[in-house]
Structure formats: C-alpha cells, structure tokens
Amino acid sequence: MQETLAAWGIPPDRYVPVDGSGLSRGNRVAPAQVTRLLSFMYRHPAGGDYMRSLAYSGEPELRWARRLAGELTAGSTLAK
C-alpha cells in the first residue's frame, strides 16, 4: 500500500492506516490526501469500477436514501 500510494504522490508520513477497511477511528489521513486519491482513481483505467463502488446520493440501501434523492439530484453525489 505504501509503495502504491507513494507512486500516486501520497507519502507514507501523510497518513496512518490502522485497518484495511478504512472504517477504524484510528485511521488518520488529511482531506487533501483523500482528494488526491479520489482524483487519481477517477482517471485510472479501473476508475469507472471504483467510482461505481462508492455510495451515491439517493441510494436506497443507505442512510443517504433521502439525501439529494430528488429527481434532479439522485446519483449526482458520490461518497467515500
């Protein structure tokens, strides 16, 4: 993970991973680094698959179900 993120411009001293799921409260990463990762993945050859794996506004199975769920906004926002 460190080698890959470093190749994408995110040095190891800029984050603290506690678990691989990203759900631990002990994980530490700056918003700028998350933005860099999402920007990189957006342009990556597998970016389409990655973006489809993210939660989206109006998604019925999530707590987001009523957020931005109107006709013009449903599916317009992705969440990580």
PDB file of N, CA and C in Angstrom:
ATOM      1  N   MET A   1       0.821  -1.162   0.000  1.00  0.00           N
ATOM      2  CA  MET A   1       0.000   0.000   0.000  1.00  0.00           C
ATOM      3  C   MET A   1       0.882   1.248   0.000  1.00  0.00           C
ATOM      4  N   GLN A   2       1.920   1.254   0.830  1.00  0.00           N
ATOM      5  CA  GLN A   2       2.787   2.426   0.899  1.00  0.00           C
ATOM      6  C   GLN A   2       3.446   2.724  -0.438  1.00  0.00           C
ATOM      7  N   GLU A   3       3.912   1.689  -1.124  1.00  0.00           N
ATOM      8  CA  GLU A   3       4.559   1.890  -2.429  1.00  0.00           C
ATOM      9  C   GLU A   3       3.576   2.464  -3.444  1.00  0.00           C
ATOM     10  N   THR A   4       2.380   1.916  -3.478  1.00  0.00           N
ATOM     11  CA  THR A   4       1.371   2.386  -4.433  1.00  0.00           C
ATOM     12  C   THR A   4       0.989   3.824  -4.154  1.00  0.00           C
ATOM     13  N   LEU A   5       0.683   4.132  -2.894  1.00  0.00           N
ATOM     14  CA  LEU A   5       0.293   5.497  -2.555  1.00  0.00           C
ATOM     15  C   LEU A   5       1.437   6.479  -2.797  1.00  0.00           C
ATOM     16  N   ALA A   6       2.660   6.068  -2.519  1.00  0.00           N
ATOM     17  CA  ALA A   6       3.812   6.944  -2.780  1.00  0.00           C
ATOM     18  C   ALA A   6       3.939   7.219  -4.273  1.00  0.00           C
ATOM     19  N   ALA A   7       3.695   6.206  -5.096  1.00  0.00           N
ATOM     20  CA  ALA A   7       3.750   6.400  -6.547  1.00  0.00           C
ATOM     21  C   ALA A   7       2.656   7.358  -7.016  1.00  0.00           C
ATOM     22  N   TRP A   8       1.578   7.453  -6.273  1.00  0.00           N
ATOM     23  CA  TRP A   8       0.469   8.352  -6.608  1.00  0.00           C
ATOM     24  C   TRP A   8       0.636   9.724  -5.968  1.00  0.00           C
ATOM     25  N   GLY A   9       1.785   9.944  -5.311  1.00  0.00           N
ATOM     26  CA  GLY A   9       2.058  11.254  -4.729  1.00  0.00           C
ATOM     27  C   GLY A   9       1.586  11.429  -3.300  1.00  0.00           C
ATOM     28  N   ILE A  10       1.316  10.327  -2.597  1.00  0.00           N
ATOM     29  CA  ILE A  10       0.891  10.396  -1.204  1.00  0.00           C
ATOM     30  C   ILE A  10       1.957   9.708  -0.350  1.00  0.00           C
ATOM     31  N   PRO A  11       2.867  10.490   0.245  1.00  0.00           N
ATOM     32  CA  PRO A  11       3.967   9.906   1.014  1.00  0.00           C
ATOM     33  C   PRO A  11       3.501   9.251   2.316  1.00  0.00           C
ATOM     34  N   PRO A  12       4.221   8.225   2.781  1.00  0.00           N
ATOM     35  CA  PRO A  12       3.824   7.479   3.978  1.00  0.00           C
ATOM     36  C   PRO A  12       3.715   8.319   5.253  1.00  0.00           C
ATOM     37  N   ASP A  13       4.399   9.442   5.305  1.00  0.00           N
ATOM     38  CA  ASP A  13       4.321  10.270   6.514  1.00  0.00           C
ATOM     39  C   ASP A  13       3.066  11.139   6.542  1.00  0.00           C
ATOM     40  N   ARG A  14       2.173  10.986   5.558  1.00  0.00           N
ATOM     41  CA  ARG A  14       0.961  11.802   5.462  1.00  0.00           C
ATOM     42  C   ARG A  14      -0.307  11.058   5.879  1.00  0.00           C
ATOM     43  N   TYR A  15      -0.186   9.803   6.321  1.00  0.00           N
ATOM     44  CA  TYR A  15      -1.356   9.038   6.744  1.00  0.00           C
ATOM     45  C   TYR A  15      -0.956   7.980   7.753  1.00  0.00           C
ATOM     46  N   VAL A  16      -1.921   7.510   8.536  1.00  0.00           N
ATOM     47  CA  VAL A  16      -1.719   6.431   9.498  1.00  0.00           C
ATOM     48  C   VAL A  16      -2.844   5.425   9.295  1.00  0.00           C
ATOM     49  N   PRO A  17      -2.542   4.290   8.639  1.00  0.00           N
ATOM     50  CA  PRO A  17      -3.578   3.270   8.456  1.00  0.00           C
ATOM     51  C   PRO A  17      -3.622   2.339   9.669  1.00  0.00           C
ATOM     52  N   VAL A  18      -4.808   2.060  10.173  1.00  0.00           N
ATOM     53  CA  VAL A  18      -4.961   1.144  11.290  1.00  0.00           C
ATOM     54  C   VAL A  18      -5.540  -0.183  10.793  1.00  0.00           C
ATOM     55  N   ASP A  19      -6.455  -0.103   9.840  1.00  0.00           N
ATOM     56  CA  ASP A  19      -7.008  -1.317   9.259  1.00  0.00           C
ATOM     57  C   ASP A  19      -7.231  -1.113   7.768  1.00  0.00           C
ATOM     58  N   GLY A  20      -7.410  -2.183   7.062  1.00  0.00           N
ATOM     59  CA  GLY A  20      -7.564  -2.104   5.616  1.00  0.00           C
ATOM     60  C   GLY A  20      -8.937  -1.662   5.148  1.00  0.00           C
ATOM     61  N   SER A  21      -9.923  -1.710   6.033  1.00  0.00           N
ATOM     62  CA  SER A  21     -11.286  -1.356   5.615  1.00  0.00           C
ATOM     63  C   SER A  21     -11.496   0.147   5.532  1.00  0.00           C
ATOM     64  N   GLY A  22     -10.693   0.898   6.266  1.00  0.00           N
ATOM     65  CA  GLY A  22     -10.877   2.339   6.305  1.00  0.00           C
ATOM     66  C   GLY A  22     -11.948   2.766   7.294  1.00  0.00           C
ATOM     67  N   LEU A  23     -12.477   1.829   8.058  1.00  0.00           N
ATOM     68  CA  LEU A  23     -13.559   2.132   8.984  1.00  0.00           C
ATOM     69  C   LEU A  23     -13.095   2.439  10.402  1.00  0.00           C
ATOM     70  N   SER A  24     -11.851   2.132  10.733  1.00  0.00           N
ATOM     71  CA  SER A  24     -11.369   2.369  12.087  1.00  0.00           C
ATOM     72  C   SER A  24     -11.249   3.852  12.391  1.00  0.00           C
ATOM     73  N   ARG A  25     -11.627   4.240  13.586  1.00  0.00           N
ATOM     74  CA  ARG A  25     -11.474   5.637  14.000  1.00  0.00           C
ATOM     75  C   ARG A  25     -10.003   5.996  14.187  1.00  0.00           C
ATOM     76  N   GLY A  26      -9.147   4.978  14.232  1.00  0.00           N
ATOM     77  CA  GLY A  26      -7.721   5.220  14.384  1.00  0.00           C
ATOM     78  C   GLY A  26      -7.024   5.600  13.088  1.00  0.00           C
ATOM     79  N   ASN A  27      -7.685   5.381  11.955  1.00  0.00           N
ATOM     80  CA  ASN A  27      -7.101   5.774  10.672  1.00  0.00           C
ATOM     81  C   ASN A  27      -6.948   7.288  10.638  1.00  0.00           C
ATOM     82  N   ARG A  28      -5.833   7.754  10.138  1.00  0.00           N
ATOM     83  CA  ARG A  28      -5.593   9.193  10.036  1.00  0.00           C
ATOM     84  C   ARG A  28      -5.096   9.523   8.638  1.00  0.00           C
ATOM     85  N   VAL A  29      -5.823  10.408   7.974  1.00  0.00           N
ATOM     86  CA  VAL A  29      -5.423  10.868   6.646  1.00  0.00           C
ATOM     87  C   VAL A  29      -5.989  12.268   6.441  1.00  0.00           C
ATOM     88  N   ALA A  30      -5.197  13.127   5.848  1.00  0.00           N
ATOM     89  CA  ALA A  30      -5.635  14.503   5.610  1.00  0.00           C
ATOM     90  C   ALA A  30      -6.640  14.542   4.453  1.00  0.00           C
ATOM     91  N   PRO A  31      -7.604  15.450   4.519  1.00  0.00           N
ATOM     92  CA  PRO A  31      -8.570  15.579   3.422  1.00  0.00           C
ATOM     93  C   PRO A  31      -7.901  15.779   2.061  1.00  0.00           C
ATOM     94  N   ALA A  32      -6.797  16.504   2.039  1.00  0.00           N
ATOM     95  CA  ALA A  32      -6.091  16.728   0.768  1.00  0.00           C
ATOM     96  C   ALA A  32      -5.584  15.414   0.186  1.00  0.00           C
ATOM     97  N   GLN A  33      -5.181  14.480   1.041  1.00  0.00           N
ATOM     98  CA  GLN A  33      -4.690  13.192   0.556  1.00  0.00           C
ATOM     99  C   GLN A  33      -5.844  12.338   0.028  1.00  0.00           C
ATOM    100  N   VAL A  34      -7.007  12.406   0.674  1.00  0.00           N
ATOM    101  CA  VAL A  34      -8.183  11.685   0.178  1.00  0.00           C
ATOM    102  C   VAL A  34      -8.579  12.247  -1.187  1.00  0.00           C
ATOM    103  N   THR A  35      -8.536  13.559  -1.308  1.00  0.00           N
ATOM    104  CA  THR A  35      -8.861  14.204  -2.581  1.00  0.00           C
ATOM    105  C   THR A  35      -7.892  13.766  -3.670  1.00  0.00           C
ATOM    106  N   ARG A  36      -6.608  13.689  -3.334  1.00  0.00           N
ATOM    107  CA  ARG A  36      -5.597  13.244  -4.296  1.00  0.00           C
ATOM    108  C   ARG A  36      -5.887  11.811  -4.737  1.00  0.00           C
ATOM    109  N   LEU A  37      -6.210  10.947  -3.787  1.00  0.00           N
ATOM    110  CA  LEU A  37      -6.509   9.553  -4.112  1.00  0.00           C
ATOM    111  C   LEU A  37      -7.742   9.445  -5.009  1.00  0.00           C
ATOM    112  N   LEU A  38      -8.815  10.153  -4.648  1.00  0.00           N
ATOM    113  CA  LEU A  38     -10.029  10.098  -5.457  1.00  0.00           C
ATOM    114  C   LEU A  38      -9.799  10.662  -6.859  1.00  0.00           C
ATOM    115  N   SER A  39      -9.014  11.728  -6.965  1.00  0.00           N
ATOM    116  CA  SER A  39      -8.695  12.303  -8.281  1.00  0.00           C
ATOM    117  C   SER A  39      -7.907  11.318  -9.124  1.00  0.00           C
ATOM    118  N   PHE A  40      -6.946  10.650  -8.494  1.00  0.00           N
ATOM    119  CA  PHE A  40      -6.146   9.669  -9.216  1.00  0.00           C
ATOM    120  C   PHE A  40      -7.029   8.522  -9.707  1.00  0.00           C
ATOM    121  N   MET A  41      -7.891   8.016  -8.807  1.00  0.00           N
ATOM    122  CA  MET A  41      -8.741   6.887  -9.188  1.00  0.00           C
ATOM    123  C   MET A  41      -9.754   7.272 -10.255  1.00  0.00           C
ATOM    124  N   TYR A  42     -10.186   8.507 -10.262  1.00  0.00           N
ATOM    125  CA  TYR A  42     -11.126   8.962 -11.286  1.00  0.00           C
ATOM    126  C   TYR A  42     -10.530   8.823 -12.687  1.00  0.00           C
ATOM    127  N   ARG A  43      -9.218   9.057 -12.796  1.00  0.00           N
ATOM    128  CA  ARG A  43      -8.529   8.995 -14.096  1.00  0.00           C
ATOM    129  C   ARG A  43      -7.897   7.630 -14.366  1.00  0.00           C
ATOM    130  N   HIS A  44      -7.877   6.762 -13.395  1.00  0.00           N
ATOM    131  CA  HIS A  44      -7.245   5.440 -13.510  1.00  0.00           C
ATOM    132  C   HIS A  44      -8.055   4.556 -14.466  1.00  0.00           C
ATOM    133  N   PRO A  45      -7.404   3.614 -15.173  1.00  0.00           N
ATOM    134  CA  PRO A  45      -8.148   2.712 -16.058  1.00  0.00           C
ATOM    135  C   PRO A  45      -9.279   1.951 -15.351  1.00  0.00           C
ATOM    136  N   ALA A  46      -9.107   1.653 -14.070  1.00  0.00           N
ATOM    137  CA  ALA A  46     -10.164   0.971 -13.312  1.00  0.00           C
ATOM    138  C   ALA A  46     -11.051   1.976 -12.577  1.00  0.00           C
ATOM    139  N   GLY A  47     -10.919   3.240 -12.899  1.00  0.00           N
ATOM    140  CA  GLY A  47     -11.646   4.299 -12.207  1.00  0.00           C
ATOM    141  C   GLY A  47     -13.154   4.164 -12.278  1.00  0.00           C
ATOM    142  N   GLY A  48     -13.674   3.733 -13.414  1.00  0.00           N
ATOM    143  CA  GLY A  48     -15.119   3.561 -13.541  1.00  0.00           C
ATOM    144  C   GLY A  48     -15.653   2.546 -12.547  1.00  0.00           C
ATOM    145  N   ASP A  49     -14.953   1.412 -12.428  1.00  0.00           N
ATOM    146  CA  ASP A  49     -15.361   0.389 -11.458  1.00  0.00           C
ATOM    147  C   ASP A  49     -15.266   0.936 -10.033  1.00  0.00           C
ATOM    148  N   TYR A  50     -14.192   1.677  -9.761  1.00  0.00           N
ATOM    149  CA  TYR A  50     -14.011   2.245  -8.431  1.00  0.00           C
ATOM    150  C   TYR A  50     -15.140   3.227  -8.102  1.00  0.00           C
ATOM    151  N   MET A  51     -15.442   4.111  -9.020  1.00  0.00           N
ATOM    152  CA  MET A  51     -16.487   5.107  -8.778  1.00  0.00           C
ATOM    153  C   MET A  51     -17.849   4.435  -8.572  1.00  0.00           C
ATOM    154  N   ARG A  52     -18.123   3.360  -9.302  1.00  0.00           N
ATOM    155  CA  ARG A  52     -19.388   2.645  -9.139  1.00  0.00           C
ATOM    156  C   ARG A  52     -19.476   1.930  -7.797  1.00  0.00           C
ATOM    157  N   SER A  53     -18.321   1.708  -7.139  1.00  0.00           N
ATOM    158  CA  SER A  53     -18.328   1.043  -5.836  1.00  0.00           C
ATOM    159  C   SER A  53     -18.645   2.003  -4.693  1.00  0.00           C
ATOM    160  N   LEU A  54     -18.613   3.301  -4.948  1.00  0.00           N
ATOM    161  CA  LEU A  54     -18.872   4.290  -3.903  1.00  0.00           C
ATOM    162  C   LEU A  54     -20.375   4.482  -3.686  1.00  0.00           C
ATOM    163  N   ALA A  55     -20.715   4.887  -2.472  1.00  0.00           N
ATOM    164  CA  ALA A  55     -22.116   5.218  -2.175  1.00  0.00           C
ATOM    165  C   ALA A  55     -22.504   6.447  -2.992  1.00  0.00           C
ATOM    166  N   TYR A  56     -23.775   6.570  -3.306  1.00  0.00           N
ATOM    167  CA  TYR A  56     -24.227   7.718  -4.094  1.00  0.00           C
ATOM    168  C   TYR A  56     -25.515   8.298  -3.515  1.00  0.00           C
ATOM    169  N   SER A  57     -25.768   9.554  -3.814  1.00  0.00           N
ATOM    170  CA  SER A  57     -26.949  10.223  -3.277  1.00  0.00           C
ATOM    171  C   SER A  57     -28.224   9.538  -3.751  1.00  0.00           C
ATOM    172  N   GLY A  58     -29.155   9.364  -2.802  1.00  0.00           N
ATOM    173  CA  GLY A  58     -30.414   8.717  -3.116  1.00  0.00           C
ATOM    174  C   GLY A  58     -30.357   7.203  -3.128  1.00  0.00           C
ATOM    175  N   GLU A  59     -29.194   6.617  -2.826  1.00  0.00           N
ATOM    176  CA  GLU A  59     -29.060   5.154  -2.833  1.00  0.00           C
ATOM    177  C   GLU A  59     -29.998   4.555  -1.779  1.00  0.00           C
ATOM    178  N   PRO A  60     -30.926   3.709  -2.173  1.00  0.00           N
ATOM    179  CA  PRO A  60     -31.981   3.245  -1.271  1.00  0.00           C
ATOM    180  C   PRO A  60     -31.502   2.435  -0.068  1.00  0.00           C
ATOM    181  N   GLU A  61     -30.406   1.709  -0.186  1.00  0.00           N
ATOM    182  CA  GLU A  61     -29.970   0.831   0.896  1.00  0.00           C
ATOM    183  C   GLU A  61     -29.211   1.554   2.000  1.00  0.00           C
ATOM    184  N   LEU A  62     -28.907   2.798   1.821  1.00  0.00           N
ATOM    185  CA  LEU A  62     -28.084   3.518   2.794  1.00  0.00           C
ATOM    186  C   LEU A  62     -28.865   4.585   3.533  1.00  0.00           C
ATOM    187  N   ARG A  63     -28.234   5.122   4.555  1.00  0.00           N
ATOM    188  CA  ARG A  63     -28.833   6.236   5.294  1.00  0.00           C
ATOM    189  C   ARG A  63     -29.026   7.458   4.398  1.00  0.00           C
ATOM    190  N   TRP A  64     -28.351   7.476   3.296  1.00  0.00           N
ATOM    191  CA  TRP A  64     -28.433   8.564   2.314  1.00  0.00           C
ATOM    192  C   TRP A  64     -29.750   8.571   1.562  1.00  0.00           C
ATOM    193  N   ALA A  65     -30.575   7.581   1.765  1.00  0.00           N
ATOM    194  CA  ALA A  65     -31.754   7.374   0.910  1.00  0.00           C
ATOM    195  C   ALA A  65     -32.549   8.645   0.638  1.00  0.00           C
ATOM    196  N   ARG A  66     -32.659   9.529   1.617  1.00  0.00           N
ATOM    197  CA  ARG A  66     -33.444  10.742   1.406  1.00  0.00           C
ATOM    198  C   ARG A  66     -32.585  11.967   1.116  1.00  0.00           C
ATOM    199  N   ARG A  67     -31.287  11.834   1.162  1.00  0.00           N
ATOM    200  CA  ARG A  67     -30.413  12.974   0.904  1.00  0.00           C
ATOM    201  C   ARG A  67     -30.137  13.114  -0.588  1.00  0.00           C
ATOM    202  N   LEU A  68     -30.390  14.274  -1.095  1.00  0.00           N
ATOM    203  CA  LEU A  68     -30.198  14.544  -2.519  1.00  0.00           C
ATOM    204  C   LEU A  68     -30.873  13.479  -3.374  1.00  0.00           C
ATOM    205  N   ALA A  69     -32.051  13.057  -2.948  1.00  0.00           N
ATOM    206  CA  ALA A  69     -32.742  11.966  -3.634  1.00  0.00           C
ATOM    207  C   ALA A  69     -33.788  12.455  -4.626  1.00  0.00           C
ATOM    208  N   GLY A  70     -33.883  13.758  -4.829  1.00  0.00           N
ATOM    209  CA  GLY A  70     -34.851  14.285  -5.769  1.00  0.00           C
ATOM    210  C   GLY A  70     -34.526  13.923  -7.203  1.00  0.00           C
ATOM    211  N   GLU A  71     -35.438  14.142  -8.068  1.00  0.00           N
ATOM    212  CA  GLU A  71     -35.287  13.773  -9.480  1.00  0.00           C
ATOM    213  C   GLU A  71     -34.016  14.357 -10.111  1.00  0.00           C
ATOM    214  N   LEU A  72     -33.680  15.592  -9.767  1.00  0.00           N
ATOM    215  CA  LEU A  72     -32.517  16.244 -10.375  1.00  0.00           C
ATOM    216  C   LEU A  72     -31.206  15.923  -9.675  1.00  0.00           C
ATOM    217  N   THR A  73     -31.254  15.419  -8.443  1.00  0.00           N
ATOM    218  CA  THR A  73     -30.023  15.223  -7.693  1.00  0.00           C
ATOM    219  C   THR A  73     -29.664  13.772  -7.394  1.00  0.00           C
ATOM    220  N   ALA A  74     -30.578  12.847  -7.507  1.00  0.00           N
ATOM    221  CA  ALA A  74     -30.287  11.443  -7.214  1.00  0.00           C
ATOM    222  C   ALA A  74     -29.131  10.953  -8.077  1.00  0.00           C
ATOM    223  N   GLY A  75     -28.152  10.346  -7.427  1.00  0.00           N
ATOM    224  CA  GLY A  75     -26.993   9.812  -8.135  1.00  0.00           C
ATOM    225  C   GLY A  75     -25.970  10.846  -8.537  1.00  0.00           C
ATOM    226  N   SER A  76     -26.178  12.098  -8.136  1.00  0.00           N
ATOM    227  CA  SER A  76     -25.251  13.160  -8.558  1.00  0.00           C
ATOM    228  C   SER A  76     -24.053  13.331  -7.637  1.00  0.00           C
ATOM    229  N   THR A  77     -24.094  12.710  -6.457  1.00  0.00           N
ATOM    230  CA  THR A  77     -23.026  12.878  -5.489  1.00  0.00           C
ATOM    231  C   THR A  77     -22.519  11.529  -5.035  1.00  0.00           C
ATOM    232  N   LEU A  78     -21.198  11.351  -5.059  1.00  0.00           N
ATOM    233  CA  LEU A  78     -20.578  10.118  -4.580  1.00  0.00           C
ATOM    234  C   LEU A  78     -19.991  10.373  -3.204  1.00  0.00           C
ATOM    235  N   ALA A  79     -19.904   9.326  -2.394  1.00  0.00           N
ATOM    236  CA  ALA A  79     -19.371   9.466  -1.032  1.00  0.00           C
ATOM    237  C   ALA A  79     -18.278   8.445  -0.784  1.00  0.00           C
ATOM    238  N   LYS A  80     -17.282   8.874  -0.069  1.00  0.00           N
ATOM    239  CA  LYS A  80     -16.236   7.977   0.371  1.00  0.00           C
ATOM    240  C   LYS A  80     -16.106   8.137   1.852  1.00  0.00           C
TER     241      LYS A  80
END
